[in-house]
Amino acid sequence: MRNISVGWWLVIAISCLYWLPFLLAKGMFLDGVCNALYAVNLAEGTASFWAPKSNYIGNPSAWGSAPLSIYILSVLYKCFGNYFFIEKIYSLICGFIQMALIAWAWKLCFDKNDERGKYGWFPCLLWLASPLTGWCYSNNLMENSMSIFTTSSIVVWLLYLRNQQIQYAVAGGILIFLALLSKGPVGLFPLAAPLVFMLMNKNIIRQRFFYFTFVQAFVFFLVFVVVFSMEAPQTFLHQYLDVQLRPALNHQNGGISFEIILQLLLALLPIFGAVIIVVLYTAIKKDDSLLSRNDKNLIGLSFLLIGLTASIPIMMSTKQSKFYLLPSLSIFSLGFSLLLLPALKKSMDLFDRYPLRYKILSATKFLSASIIILCIVLCINNRGIYSRDKALLNDLAEMQTLTGDGAILRGPWELNSEWHLFSYLSRLYKIKICMPDSEIETNYYITYSGKSDKVPSQDFIKIYSGNKFDLYQLASADNFHKRKIN
């Protein structure tokens, strides 16, 4: 039991190392900033659930973003206020919920009195071993929310295998629909879980499989039809298909891409390392017990196949990013953990006979506790600093002191694709940028640093010279800042 306790200490310490030091710092991956911006607009009433909006003047609609994860985040803004660290705290909460679900799924793979069911820290540790896990839950991605629903749907399937109660199939259909609303079709992969389990585990009664599958699919399609038969959801669905799904499935620009397979291998590289060590040890020592064929190995292989159903279909899309793999990582961690369980159990049995085991366990707990405390101190100490995009964020902060919140800046066409600039200004200061052809009146003009030739008139005087951007103001403006930069 002491070994199990230490395992959880390690899981919590690694989680803190991933997410606490820069929890209150400014700076985030672009998608996370945009998701936060959409959620803020929803919280403030300038957007609606079925019509998410950015603050981009040229095209404010954000039809390519599934609405549920945005809505959940918007509730936090309504409850606690529009602070830049709310979205990071939300990601942190998603991470800990996901670990709880992984541990729950692990426990359901064993009989109630099986001691191995208490090793839920092991799949959590493998899940944290992937660098992608730490990165995703630091950057407010929609996959963070969707993973909760997809993993929950796997949990209810395992609950059904244990209890054979109809409500679990109903819950599974609803959870998969919520996953769909959180990110899109990639959230549908849990529909394949019962089929994979039945093919890999002959002891599952086929009648139970068909019963669960039918009810789950029926509930999913029933909810889908009812929801999207209404006007607002139907409009959103048509727009989403045109803006997001059809372009992603259009292979005219290159066909099927295998890049996502490489990303998956890199994400799972630490776990593959553990598997290779076990295989080599088995070959050298000729200890077949570490790779014996048993029911838990078959369940582990089932999880690996389910993880592939979540990952491989992404090849069909011409739009690929490594964080699309996040929902599959929890499933892979469960699968590999079950395959590595004999090696873990044998290692722990050997460790229990080691004379200095109690000192090592105590030292590990002390080290973990020290890491947790250090991370909390760093979290407080690093509040308000820039964790990424420092030069850009520093420029924007200086400009805000000159323009105030809510200003509108005009810029040259070459800034039209500067999404970090647009998103950070809108998210942090509610400042918008319009292009030269816009009829909106503004006293400010923004350019890349040193690009004074892009300023349309000599009436604009430079009032800020930054690392990445310069800011100009009309000299005739009523609120003209007396801060001319030569």
Protein backbone atom coordinates (compact mmCIF):
# COMPACT_ATOMS: atom_id res chain seq x y z
CA MET A 1 0.00 0.00 0.00
CA ARG A 2 2.91 2.34 0.69
CA ASN A 3 4.09 1.81 -2.90
CA ILE A 4 0.63 2.77 -4.18
CA SER A 5 0.63 5.93 -2.07
CA VAL A 6 4.05 6.94 -3.42
CA GLY A 7 2.77 6.41 -6.97
CA TRP A 8 0.09 9.03 -6.44
CA TRP A 9 2.62 11.39 -4.87
CA LEU A 10 4.68 11.13 -8.06
CA VAL A 11 1.62 11.74 -10.26
CA ILE A 12 0.66 14.88 -8.34
CA ALA A 13 4.26 16.17 -8.31
CA ILE A 14 4.66 15.72 -12.08
CA SER A 15 1.27 17.38 -12.67
CA CYS A 16 2.38 20.37 -10.63
CA LEU A 17 5.65 20.57 -12.58
CA TYR A 18 3.67 20.65 -15.82
CA TRP A 19 0.99 23.16 -14.95
CA LEU A 20 1.64 25.23 -11.83
CA PRO A 21 4.83 27.30 -12.44
CA PHE A 22 3.26 29.41 -15.24
CA LEU A 23 -0.41 29.02 -14.30
CA LEU A 24 -0.77 32.76 -13.58
CA ALA A 25 1.62 33.92 -16.32
CA LYS A 26 0.54 35.59 -19.55
CA GLY A 27 1.04 33.93 -22.91
CA MET A 28 -0.62 30.98 -24.59
CA PHE A 29 -0.76 29.01 -27.81
CA LEU A 30 -2.84 30.81 -30.45
CA ASP A 31 -5.76 28.34 -30.44
CA GLY A 32 -6.07 28.69 -26.69
CA VAL A 33 -6.16 32.50 -26.91
CA CYS A 34 -8.87 32.31 -29.59
CA ASN A 35 -10.94 29.85 -27.56
CA ALA A 36 -10.73 32.16 -24.56
CA LEU A 37 -11.76 35.11 -26.72
CA TYR A 38 -14.83 33.26 -28.04
CA ALA A 39 -15.76 32.29 -24.47
CA VAL A 40 -15.42 35.86 -23.21
CA ASN A 41 -17.68 37.12 -26.00
CA LEU A 42 -20.22 34.45 -25.08
CA ALA A 43 -20.02 35.38 -21.39
CA GLU A 44 -20.51 39.07 -22.20
CA GLY A 45 -23.46 38.42 -24.53
CA THR A 46 -21.85 39.58 -27.78
CA ALA A 47 -22.05 35.99 -29.08
CA SER A 48 -24.40 33.06 -28.51
CA PHE A 49 -23.98 29.32 -28.03
CA TRP A 50 -24.78 28.52 -31.66
CA ALA A 51 -23.09 31.62 -33.09
CA PRO A 52 -19.57 31.98 -31.60
CA LYS A 53 -17.76 35.19 -32.48
CA SER A 54 -14.28 36.61 -32.46
CA ASN A 55 -13.48 40.34 -32.36
CA TYR A 56 -12.08 40.35 -35.88
CA ILE A 57 -13.69 43.30 -37.67
CA GLY A 58 -13.43 41.80 -41.16
CA ASN A 59 -15.13 38.49 -40.34
CA PRO A 60 -16.24 38.11 -36.70
CA SER A 61 -18.06 34.77 -37.10
CA ALA A 62 -16.25 31.71 -35.74
CA TRP A 63 -18.26 28.91 -37.34
CA GLY A 64 -15.30 26.54 -37.32
CA SER A 65 -15.34 26.24 -33.51
CA ALA A 66 -17.53 23.64 -31.79
CA PRO A 67 -19.56 25.47 -29.11
CA LEU A 68 -19.70 23.30 -25.97
CA SER A 69 -16.15 23.70 -24.65
CA ILE A 70 -16.41 27.45 -25.31
CA TYR A 71 -19.67 27.58 -23.39
CA ILE A 72 -18.25 25.73 -20.36
CA LEU A 73 -15.34 28.17 -20.20
CA SER A 74 -17.73 31.12 -20.56
CA VAL A 75 -19.55 29.97 -17.41
CA LEU A 76 -16.31 30.36 -15.47
CA TYR A 77 -15.92 33.91 -16.75
CA LYS A 78 -19.46 34.70 -15.65
CA CYS A 79 -18.79 33.25 -12.19
CA PHE A 80 -15.28 34.56 -11.51
CA GLY A 81 -14.72 37.46 -13.90
CA ASN A 82 -12.75 38.05 -17.08
CA TYR A 83 -9.23 37.35 -15.87
CA PHE A 84 -6.56 36.08 -18.27
CA PHE A 85 -5.65 33.15 -16.01
CA ILE A 86 -9.19 31.73 -15.87
CA GLU A 87 -8.65 29.75 -19.07
CA LYS A 88 -5.44 28.25 -17.66
CA ILE A 89 -7.16 27.25 -14.44
CA TYR A 90 -9.91 25.66 -16.52
CA SER A 91 -7.31 23.62 -18.41
CA LEU A 92 -5.79 22.57 -15.08
CA ILE A 93 -9.20 21.39 -13.85
CA CYS A 94 -9.70 19.42 -17.07
CA GLY A 95 -6.34 17.74 -16.54
CA PHE A 96 -7.16 16.55 -13.03
CA ILE A 97 -10.64 15.39 -14.07
CA GLN A 98 -9.04 13.40 -16.87
CA MET A 99 -6.65 11.70 -14.45
CA ALA A 100 -9.56 10.79 -12.18
CA LEU A 101 -11.37 9.22 -15.15
CA ILE A 102 -8.25 7.27 -16.16
CA ALA A 103 -7.90 5.90 -12.62
CA TRP A 104 -11.62 5.01 -12.58
CA ALA A 105 -11.39 3.19 -15.92
CA TRP A 106 -8.36 1.28 -14.64
CA LYS A 107 -10.21 0.18 -11.52
CA LEU A 108 -13.12 -1.07 -13.60
CA CYS A 109 -10.78 -3.41 -15.50
CA PHE A 110 -10.37 -5.54 -12.35
CA ASP A 111 -12.61 -7.34 -9.91
CA LYS A 112 -13.61 -5.36 -6.86
CA ASN A 113 -11.26 -7.26 -4.54
CA ASP A 114 -8.32 -7.35 -6.97
CA GLU A 115 -5.34 -5.53 -5.44
CA ARG A 116 -4.17 -4.45 -8.92
CA GLY A 117 -7.19 -2.17 -9.25
CA LYS A 118 -5.50 0.16 -6.76
CA TYR A 119 -2.63 0.87 -9.16
CA GLY A 120 -4.62 3.61 -10.92
CA TRP A 121 -1.62 5.91 -10.56
CA PHE A 122 0.28 3.81 -13.13
CA PRO A 123 -1.80 4.70 -16.27
CA CYS A 124 -1.91 8.29 -15.01
CA LEU A 125 1.88 8.27 -14.80
CA LEU A 126 2.18 6.93 -18.36
CA TRP A 127 -0.35 9.54 -19.51
CA LEU A 128 1.78 12.27 -17.97
CA ALA A 129 4.91 10.77 -19.54
CA SER A 130 3.82 12.09 -22.93
CA PRO A 131 5.11 15.65 -23.50
CA LEU A 132 1.89 16.36 -25.40
CA THR A 133 -0.15 15.98 -22.21
CA GLY A 134 1.68 18.74 -20.37
CA TRP A 135 1.57 21.05 -23.36
CA CYS A 136 -2.13 20.63 -24.17
CA TYR A 137 -3.35 21.24 -20.62
CA SER A 138 -1.34 24.45 -20.45
CA ASN A 139 -2.91 25.98 -23.54
CA ASN A 140 -6.72 25.89 -23.24
CA LEU A 141 -7.43 23.59 -26.17
CA MET A 142 -10.90 22.28 -27.02
CA GLU A 143 -9.46 18.76 -26.87
CA ASN A 144 -9.12 19.21 -23.09
CA SER A 145 -12.91 19.36 -22.74
CA MET A 146 -13.65 16.75 -25.37
CA SER A 147 -11.28 14.23 -23.76
CA ILE A 148 -13.37 14.31 -20.60
CA PHE A 149 -16.46 13.22 -22.53
CA THR A 150 -14.70 10.59 -24.65
CA THR A 151 -12.96 9.02 -21.65
CA SER A 152 -16.21 9.16 -19.69
CA SER A 153 -17.95 7.26 -22.48
CA ILE A 154 -15.30 4.52 -22.20
CA VAL A 155 -15.90 4.45 -18.44
CA VAL A 156 -19.66 3.91 -18.86
CA TRP A 157 -18.94 1.05 -21.31
CA LEU A 158 -16.78 -0.59 -18.63
CA LEU A 159 -19.53 0.04 -16.07
CA TYR A 160 -21.98 -1.67 -18.38
CA LEU A 161 -19.72 -4.71 -18.68
CA ARG A 162 -19.77 -4.96 -14.90
CA ASN A 163 -23.45 -4.21 -14.22
CA GLN A 164 -25.36 -4.68 -17.55
CA GLN A 165 -27.67 -1.77 -16.81
CA ILE A 166 -29.38 0.12 -19.63
CA GLN A 167 -28.70 3.58 -18.20
CA TYR A 168 -25.01 3.21 -19.05
CA ALA A 169 -25.79 2.81 -22.76
CA VAL A 170 -28.02 5.89 -22.58
CA ALA A 171 -25.28 7.84 -20.81
CA GLY A 172 -22.75 6.67 -23.41
CA GLY A 173 -24.83 8.05 -26.28
CA ILE A 174 -25.25 11.42 -24.54
CA LEU A 175 -21.54 11.66 -23.66
CA ILE A 176 -20.49 10.96 -27.25
CA PHE A 177 -22.86 13.68 -28.47
CA LEU A 178 -21.31 16.10 -25.95
CA ALA A 179 -17.86 15.12 -27.25
CA LEU A 180 -19.07 15.92 -30.77
CA LEU A 181 -20.26 19.34 -29.60
CA SER A 182 -16.93 19.98 -27.89
CA LYS A 183 -14.63 19.53 -30.88
CA GLY A 184 -16.33 17.80 -33.80
CA PRO A 185 -16.40 14.35 -35.45
CA VAL A 186 -13.12 13.23 -33.86
CA GLY A 187 -15.16 12.76 -30.68
CA LEU A 188 -17.13 9.87 -32.23
CA PHE A 189 -14.44 7.21 -31.79
CA PRO A 190 -15.91 5.73 -28.53
CA LEU A 191 -18.73 4.33 -30.69
CA ALA A 192 -16.19 1.72 -31.81
CA ALA A 193 -15.25 0.62 -28.27
CA PRO A 194 -17.89 -2.14 -27.85
CA LEU A 195 -17.02 -3.68 -31.24
CA VAL A 196 -13.30 -3.69 -30.46
CA PHE A 197 -13.88 -5.30 -27.05
CA MET A 198 -16.12 -7.97 -28.52
CA LEU A 199 -13.58 -8.89 -31.21
CA MET A 200 -10.69 -9.04 -28.75
CA ASN A 201 -12.49 -10.65 -25.81
CA LYS A 202 -14.51 -13.75 -26.64
CA ASN A 203 -15.90 -13.96 -23.11
CA ILE A 204 -18.07 -10.88 -23.75
CA ILE A 205 -21.57 -12.09 -24.54
CA ARG A 206 -22.46 -10.90 -28.03
CA GLN A 207 -26.05 -10.23 -27.06
CA ARG A 208 -24.85 -7.71 -24.46
CA PHE A 209 -22.58 -6.09 -27.02
CA PHE A 210 -25.34 -5.63 -29.59
CA TYR A 211 -27.75 -4.41 -26.92
CA PHE A 212 -25.35 -1.73 -25.63
CA THR A 213 -24.23 -0.70 -29.12
CA PHE A 214 -27.78 -0.36 -30.41
CA VAL A 215 -29.02 1.67 -27.45
CA GLN A 216 -25.93 3.91 -27.36
CA ALA A 217 -26.06 4.61 -31.11
CA PHE A 218 -29.82 5.13 -31.02
CA VAL A 219 -29.59 7.65 -28.17
CA PHE A 220 -26.74 9.49 -29.92
CA PHE A 221 -28.59 9.80 -33.23
CA LEU A 222 -31.86 10.67 -31.49
CA VAL A 223 -30.23 13.54 -29.58
CA PHE A 224 -28.39 14.63 -32.73
CA VAL A 225 -31.59 14.74 -34.81
CA VAL A 226 -33.63 16.50 -32.13
CA VAL A 227 -30.98 19.16 -31.45
CA PHE A 228 -30.07 19.88 -35.06
CA SER A 229 -33.66 19.98 -36.22
CA MET A 230 -33.95 23.36 -34.48
CA GLU A 231 -33.18 26.52 -36.43
CA ALA A 232 -30.13 27.89 -34.60
CA PRO A 233 -28.28 24.54 -34.30
CA GLN A 234 -29.15 23.74 -37.91
CA THR A 235 -27.66 27.02 -39.10
CA PHE A 236 -24.53 26.36 -37.08
CA LEU A 237 -24.23 22.83 -38.50
CA HIS A 238 -24.44 24.03 -42.11
CA GLN A 239 -21.84 26.72 -41.45
CA TYR A 240 -19.56 24.30 -39.59
CA LEU A 241 -19.67 21.83 -42.47
CA ASP A 242 -18.80 24.56 -44.99
CA VAL A 243 -16.13 26.31 -42.94
CA GLN A 244 -14.46 23.47 -41.05
CA LEU A 245 -15.32 19.92 -42.06
CA ARG A 246 -15.50 19.96 -45.86
CA PRO A 247 -12.23 21.93 -46.32
CA ALA A 248 -10.50 19.58 -43.84
CA LEU A 249 -11.59 16.54 -45.85
CA ASN A 250 -10.71 18.08 -49.21
CA HIS A 251 -7.67 16.21 -50.54
CA GLN A 252 -7.10 18.30 -53.63
CA ASN A 253 -4.10 19.89 -51.94
CA GLY A 254 -2.15 16.76 -51.09
CA GLY A 255 -4.25 13.70 -50.28
CA ILE A 256 -3.95 11.59 -47.17
CA SER A 257 -1.17 12.73 -44.84
CA PHE A 258 0.79 10.34 -42.64
CA GLU A 259 2.28 13.14 -40.56
CA ILE A 260 -0.15 12.41 -37.73
CA ILE A 261 1.34 8.89 -37.37
CA LEU A 262 4.77 10.40 -36.75
CA GLN A 263 3.24 12.81 -34.22
CA LEU A 264 1.56 9.89 -32.48
CA LEU A 265 4.81 7.94 -32.28
CA LEU A 266 6.57 10.97 -30.81
CA ALA A 267 3.76 11.53 -28.29
CA LEU A 268 3.98 7.89 -27.15
CA LEU A 269 7.78 7.68 -27.29
CA PRO A 270 8.31 7.50 -23.49
CA ILE A 271 5.76 4.67 -23.23
CA PHE A 272 7.38 2.82 -26.14
CA GLY A 273 10.64 3.12 -24.24
CA ALA A 274 9.14 1.31 -21.25
CA VAL A 275 7.75 -1.43 -23.49
CA ILE A 276 11.12 -1.91 -25.22
CA ILE A 277 12.87 -2.25 -21.85
CA VAL A 278 10.41 -4.96 -20.78
CA VAL A 279 10.79 -6.81 -24.08
CA LEU A 280 14.60 -6.71 -23.88
CA TYR A 281 14.57 -7.86 -20.26
CA THR A 282 12.23 -10.71 -21.18
CA ALA A 283 14.52 -11.78 -24.02
CA ILE A 284 17.66 -11.65 -21.88
CA LYS A 285 16.22 -13.32 -18.77
CA LYS A 286 13.85 -15.58 -20.71
CA ASP A 287 11.07 -14.60 -18.31
CA ASP A 288 7.89 -15.23 -20.28
CA SER A 289 5.67 -14.24 -17.34
CA LEU A 290 6.21 -10.56 -18.16
CA LEU A 291 4.60 -10.94 -21.58
CA SER A 292 2.17 -13.77 -20.88
CA ARG A 293 -1.12 -13.96 -22.73
CA ASN A 294 -4.03 -13.32 -20.33
CA ASP A 295 -7.35 -11.54 -20.17
CA LYS A 296 -5.80 -8.27 -18.99
CA ASN A 297 -3.44 -8.23 -21.95
CA LEU A 298 -6.43 -8.68 -24.27
CA ILE A 299 -8.18 -5.76 -22.59
CA GLY A 300 -4.96 -3.77 -22.96
CA LEU A 301 -4.81 -4.54 -26.66
CA SER A 302 -8.46 -3.52 -26.93
CA PHE A 303 -7.60 -0.11 -25.50
CA LEU A 304 -4.72 0.25 -27.96
CA LEU A 305 -7.04 -0.47 -30.88
CA ILE A 306 -9.58 2.04 -29.56
CA GLY A 307 -6.77 4.60 -29.33
CA LEU A 308 -5.95 3.92 -32.96
CA THR A 309 -9.61 4.51 -33.95
CA ALA A 310 -9.22 7.95 -32.36
CA SER A 311 -5.90 8.71 -34.09
CA ILE A 312 -5.72 7.08 -37.52
CA PRO A 313 -8.87 8.76 -38.99
CA ILE A 314 -7.14 12.13 -38.56
CA MET A 315 -5.00 11.11 -41.56
CA MET A 316 -8.09 11.73 -43.68
CA SER A 317 -7.89 15.44 -42.90
CA THR A 318 -5.58 17.85 -44.67
CA LYS A 319 -5.60 19.93 -41.49
CA GLN A 320 -3.47 18.17 -38.88
CA SER A 321 -1.99 19.20 -35.54
CA LYS A 322 -0.38 17.13 -32.84
CA PHE A 323 -2.91 18.19 -30.20
CA TYR A 324 -5.68 16.44 -32.15
CA LEU A 325 -4.19 13.26 -30.66
CA LEU A 326 -4.89 14.25 -27.05
CA PRO A 327 -8.19 12.29 -26.62
CA SER A 328 -6.42 9.07 -27.64
CA LEU A 329 -3.55 9.45 -25.14
CA SER A 330 -5.63 8.46 -22.12
CA ILE A 331 -6.83 5.34 -23.96
CA PHE A 332 -3.29 4.42 -25.02
CA SER A 333 -2.04 4.92 -21.46
CA LEU A 334 -4.65 2.45 -20.18
CA GLY A 335 -3.72 -0.10 -22.85
CA PHE A 336 0.03 0.08 -22.34
CA SER A 337 -0.42 0.05 -18.54
CA LEU A 338 -2.29 -3.25 -18.71
CA LEU A 339 0.39 -4.73 -20.96
CA LEU A 340 3.14 -3.54 -18.62
CA LEU A 341 1.29 -4.57 -15.46
CA PRO A 342 3.12 -7.93 -14.98
CA ALA A 343 6.45 -6.12 -15.17
CA LEU A 344 5.24 -3.47 -12.73
CA LYS A 345 3.93 -6.09 -10.30
CA LYS A 346 7.15 -8.08 -10.41
CA SER A 347 9.24 -4.92 -9.90
CA MET A 348 7.16 -3.96 -6.88
CA ASP A 349 7.45 -7.45 -5.42
CA LEU A 350 11.23 -7.26 -5.79
CA PHE A 351 11.29 -3.79 -4.29
CA ASP A 352 9.30 -4.99 -1.25
CA ARG A 353 12.20 -7.32 -0.40
CA TYR A 354 14.77 -4.53 -0.62
CA PRO A 355 16.10 -3.62 2.89
CA LEU A 356 16.13 0.14 2.31
CA ARG A 357 12.67 0.30 0.71
CA TYR A 358 11.09 2.34 3.51
CA LYS A 359 13.79 4.99 3.35
CA ILE A 360 13.44 5.19 -0.45
CA LEU A 361 9.67 5.51 -0.21
CA SER A 362 9.95 8.22 2.45
CA ALA A 363 12.55 10.08 0.40
CA THR A 364 10.34 9.88 -2.71
CA LYS A 365 7.37 11.30 -0.79
CA PHE A 366 9.54 14.08 0.65
CA LEU A 367 10.92 14.92 -2.81
CA SER A 368 7.41 14.93 -4.31
CA ALA A 369 6.08 17.16 -1.53
CA SER A 370 9.03 19.52 -2.03
CA ILE A 371 8.32 19.72 -5.77
CA ILE A 372 4.66 20.50 -5.11
CA ILE A 373 5.54 23.28 -2.64
CA LEU A 374 8.18 24.70 -5.01
CA CYS A 375 5.66 24.73 -7.87
CA ILE A 376 3.14 26.60 -5.74
CA VAL A 377 5.80 29.17 -4.84
CA LEU A 378 6.77 29.56 -8.51
CA CYS A 379 3.11 29.90 -9.47
CA ILE A 380 2.71 32.86 -7.11
CA ASN A 381 6.11 34.36 -7.97
CA ASN A 382 5.51 34.13 -11.75
CA ARG A 383 2.07 35.74 -11.74
CA GLY A 384 1.75 38.34 -14.47
CA ILE A 385 5.03 37.54 -16.23
CA TYR A 386 5.19 36.42 -19.85
CA SER A 387 5.56 32.66 -20.35
CA ARG A 388 5.67 32.99 -24.17
CA ASP A 389 5.40 35.70 -26.86
CA LYS A 390 7.19 38.09 -24.49
CA ALA A 391 8.23 40.66 -27.10
CA LEU A 392 4.74 40.80 -28.62
CA LEU A 393 2.91 40.96 -25.30
CA ASN A 394 5.26 43.66 -24.01
CA ASP A 395 4.54 45.77 -27.10
CA LEU A 396 0.81 45.35 -26.68
CA ALA A 397 0.91 46.25 -23.00
CA GLU A 398 2.81 49.46 -23.79
CA MET A 399 0.37 50.34 -26.58
CA GLN A 400 -2.60 49.81 -24.29
CA THR A 401 -1.28 52.44 -21.90
CA LEU A 402 -1.45 54.90 -24.80
CA THR A 403 -4.74 53.88 -26.43
CA GLY A 404 -6.70 52.55 -23.47
CA ASP A 405 -8.98 49.52 -23.61
CA GLY A 406 -11.46 49.13 -26.44
CA ALA A 407 -9.59 51.23 -29.03
CA ILE A 408 -9.58 50.52 -32.76
CA LEU A 409 -6.31 50.54 -34.68
CA ARG A 410 -5.85 50.60 -38.43
CA GLY A 411 -3.07 48.60 -40.05
CA PRO A 412 -1.66 47.72 -43.47
CA TRP A 413 -2.81 44.62 -45.34
CA GLU A 414 0.34 42.72 -44.37
CA LEU A 415 -1.01 42.55 -40.80
CA ASN A 416 -4.18 40.82 -41.95
CA SER A 417 -2.79 37.36 -41.09
CA GLU A 418 -1.18 38.32 -37.78
CA TRP A 419 -3.58 36.20 -35.74
CA HIS A 420 -1.51 36.42 -32.56
CA LEU A 421 -1.70 40.21 -32.74
CA PHE A 422 -5.46 40.23 -33.35
CA SER A 423 -6.20 37.63 -30.71
CA TYR A 424 -4.02 38.97 -27.90
CA LEU A 425 -5.23 42.55 -28.39
CA SER A 426 -8.85 41.44 -28.30
CA ARG A 427 -8.46 38.98 -25.44
CA LEU A 428 -6.42 41.16 -23.10
CA TYR A 429 -7.51 44.71 -23.98
CA LYS A 430 -10.58 44.50 -26.26
CA ILE A 431 -8.58 46.40 -28.89
CA LYS A 432 -9.52 45.72 -32.51
CA ILE A 433 -7.63 46.18 -35.78
CA CYS A 434 -9.24 47.21 -39.06
CA MET A 435 -7.74 47.08 -42.54
CA PRO A 436 -7.15 50.05 -44.92
CA ASP A 437 -10.44 49.57 -46.76
CA SER A 438 -12.52 49.77 -43.60
CA GLU A 439 -14.76 52.85 -43.17
CA ILE A 440 -14.30 52.82 -39.40
CA GLU A 441 -12.71 56.03 -38.11
CA THR A 442 -9.65 55.70 -35.92
CA ASN A 443 -6.80 57.91 -34.75
CA TYR A 444 -4.28 55.09 -34.48
CA TYR A 445 -2.19 53.22 -37.02
CA ILE A 446 -0.06 50.12 -36.31
CA THR A 447 2.75 48.69 -38.44
CA TYR A 448 5.57 46.22 -38.16
CA SER A 449 8.54 47.73 -36.37
CA GLY A 450 10.52 50.03 -38.66
CA LYS A 451 7.94 49.97 -41.49
CA SER A 452 7.16 53.70 -41.48
CA ASP A 453 6.66 53.56 -45.26
CA LYS A 454 3.38 51.73 -44.60
CA VAL A 455 1.90 54.72 -42.77
CA PRO A 456 -0.60 56.39 -45.18
CA SER A 457 -0.03 60.02 -44.13
CA GLN A 458 2.53 62.32 -42.53
CA ASP A 459 -0.25 63.40 -40.19
CA PHE A 460 0.44 60.22 -38.22
CA ILE A 461 3.17 60.67 -35.60
CA LYS A 462 4.96 57.68 -34.06
CA ILE A 463 4.12 57.45 -30.36
CA TYR A 464 5.55 54.00 -29.64
CA SER A 465 8.45 52.05 -31.13
CA GLY A 466 8.45 48.40 -30.11
CA ASN A 467 10.32 45.17 -30.71
CA LYS A 468 7.74 43.87 -33.17
CA PHE A 469 5.27 46.71 -33.81
CA ASP A 470 5.17 50.50 -33.95
CA LEU A 471 2.16 52.63 -33.08
CA TYR A 472 1.25 55.95 -34.72
CA GLN A 473 -1.39 58.56 -33.87
CA LEU A 474 -2.99 61.43 -35.76
CA ALA A 475 -1.38 64.63 -34.60
CA SER A 476 -4.74 66.39 -34.94
CA ALA A 477 -6.56 63.93 -32.66
CA ASP A 478 -8.23 65.47 -29.61
CA ASN A 479 -6.53 63.02 -27.26
CA PHE A 480 -3.12 63.17 -29.01
CA HIS A 481 -0.35 61.76 -26.80
CA LYS A 482 2.65 64.09 -26.50
CA ARG A 483 5.00 61.14 -26.91
CA LYS A 484 6.61 61.45 -30.30
CA ILE A 485 9.26 58.84 -31.10
CA ASN A 486 12.01 59.97 -33.46
